[in-house]
Amino acid sequence: MPTDMEEAMQKLLIGFHTYAGEKGFMTREECKRAITVHFADLAKNCSGAMDNLVTQLDVNGDNKISLSEFLCLCGGLTEACLNEEWKCKQMPAVPPQPATDVKGKKGKK
């Protein structure tokens, strides 16, 4: 049974491929549509800056949003929510957790 994080990763990949299809990338318009649908509350807060956001996502300037560029968007939006740059109703504030190494041992922060 997949963990919550593994399920989240699967959902991100499915979300990307819903718009990217077999071509393996999203166009600017597909990316805007994905943001509007899948990040609806956040999109309301940046509706005027959508073109700029998509332009910033396209790091290599090829007018295609790759999977890694899309994942940067998802990570950036998550971090923005946690840093309260946007008021996110669905995302509870998460208290900092002690660092854990790969063997599950708690480390010093």
Protein backbone atom coordinates (compact mmCIF):
# COMPACT_ATOMS: atom_id res chain seq x y z
CA MET A 1 0.00 0.00 0.00
CA PRO A 2 1.51 3.35 -0.99
CA THR A 3 2.28 5.94 1.65
CA ASP A 4 0.62 9.36 1.62
CA MET A 5 3.72 10.85 0.00
CA GLU A 6 3.81 8.15 -2.68
CA GLU A 7 0.13 8.80 -3.43
CA ALA A 8 0.87 12.53 -3.66
CA MET A 9 3.69 11.83 -6.11
CA GLN A 10 1.37 9.66 -8.21
CA LYS A 11 -1.24 12.43 -8.27
CA LEU A 12 1.35 14.98 -9.40
CA LEU A 13 2.46 12.70 -12.22
CA ILE A 14 -1.12 11.97 -13.28
CA GLY A 15 -1.92 15.69 -13.16
CA PHE A 16 1.06 16.52 -15.35
CA HIS A 17 0.39 13.78 -17.89
CA THR A 18 -3.31 14.71 -18.10
CA TYR A 19 -2.21 17.93 -19.80
CA ALA A 20 1.13 16.89 -21.30
CA GLY A 21 -0.13 13.70 -22.91
CA GLU A 22 2.24 11.67 -25.04
CA LYS A 23 4.21 14.72 -26.14
CA GLY A 24 5.76 14.85 -22.64
CA PHE A 25 5.38 18.59 -21.98
CA MET A 26 2.69 21.19 -21.45
CA THR A 27 2.21 24.22 -23.60
CA ARG A 28 1.87 27.58 -21.85
CA GLU A 29 -1.94 27.42 -22.25
CA GLU A 30 -2.11 23.85 -20.93
CA CYS A 31 -0.02 24.89 -17.94
CA LYS A 32 -2.29 27.86 -17.21
CA ARG A 33 -5.31 25.57 -17.43
CA ALA A 34 -3.66 23.03 -15.09
CA ILE A 35 -2.87 25.76 -12.55
CA THR A 36 -6.41 27.13 -12.75
CA VAL A 37 -7.99 23.68 -12.29
CA HIS A 38 -5.64 22.02 -9.83
CA PHE A 39 -4.58 25.05 -7.79
CA ALA A 40 -7.87 26.94 -7.98
CA ASP A 41 -7.65 28.84 -4.68
CA LEU A 42 -4.05 29.79 -5.31
CA ALA A 43 -4.78 30.77 -8.92
CA LYS A 44 -7.30 33.33 -7.67
CA ASN A 45 -4.50 35.04 -5.75
CA CYS A 46 -2.19 35.24 -8.75
CA SER A 47 -4.62 35.52 -11.65
CA GLY A 48 -3.05 38.77 -12.85
CA ALA A 49 0.42 37.27 -12.72
CA MET A 50 -0.34 33.97 -14.49
CA ASP A 51 1.65 34.79 -17.66
CA ASN A 52 4.62 35.86 -15.58
CA LEU A 53 4.38 32.71 -13.45
CA VAL A 54 4.35 30.44 -16.51
CA THR A 55 7.23 32.38 -18.05
CA GLN A 56 9.26 31.93 -14.87
CA LEU A 57 8.46 28.20 -14.89
CA ASP A 58 9.88 27.80 -18.39
CA VAL A 59 13.46 27.89 -17.12
CA ASN A 60 15.09 26.89 -20.40
CA GLY A 61 12.90 29.25 -22.49
CA ASP A 62 11.63 26.63 -24.94
CA ASN A 63 7.93 27.56 -24.44
CA LYS A 64 7.29 24.06 -23.09
CA ILE A 65 6.68 23.19 -19.44
CA SER A 66 8.54 19.98 -18.68
CA LEU A 67 7.81 17.62 -15.81
CA SER A 68 10.69 19.02 -13.76
CA GLU A 69 9.51 22.59 -14.40
CA PHE A 70 5.98 21.59 -13.34
CA LEU A 71 7.30 19.93 -10.18
CA CYS A 72 9.17 23.16 -9.36
CA LEU A 73 5.80 24.93 -9.54
CA CYS A 74 4.21 22.40 -7.16
CA GLY A 75 7.09 22.68 -4.70
CA GLY A 76 7.15 26.46 -4.90
CA LEU A 77 3.42 26.74 -4.28
CA THR A 78 3.66 24.36 -1.33
CA GLU A 79 6.50 26.37 0.17
CA ALA A 80 4.61 29.63 -0.42
CA CYS A 81 1.62 28.23 1.44
CA LEU A 82 3.73 27.11 4.35
CA ASN A 83 5.44 30.50 4.45
CA GLU A 84 1.99 32.12 4.43
CA GLU A 85 2.63 34.09 1.25
CA TRP A 86 -0.87 32.96 0.35
CA LYS A 87 -3.68 32.17 2.73
CA CYS A 88 -4.35 28.52 1.98
CA LYS A 89 -7.53 27.16 3.48
CA GLN A 90 -6.78 23.54 2.67
CA MET A 91 -3.18 23.43 3.86
CA PRO A 92 -2.67 23.45 7.62
CA ALA A 93 0.48 25.02 8.94
CA VAL A 94 2.95 22.25 9.62
CA PRO A 95 5.22 22.65 12.63
CA PRO A 96 8.92 22.04 11.91
CA GLN A 97 9.86 18.41 12.46
CA PRO A 98 13.24 17.15 13.67
CA ALA A 99 15.42 16.02 10.81
CA THR A 100 15.32 12.26 10.25
CA ASP A 101 18.05 10.34 8.48
CA VAL A 102 17.33 7.56 6.00
CA LYS A 103 17.39 4.95 8.80
CA GLY A 104 14.64 6.80 10.67
CA LYS A 105 16.84 8.14 13.46
CA LYS A 106 16.11 11.63 14.74
CA GLY A 107 18.91 14.08 14.15
CA LYS A 108 19.81 17.44 15.60
CA LYS A 109 18.49 20.48 13.84
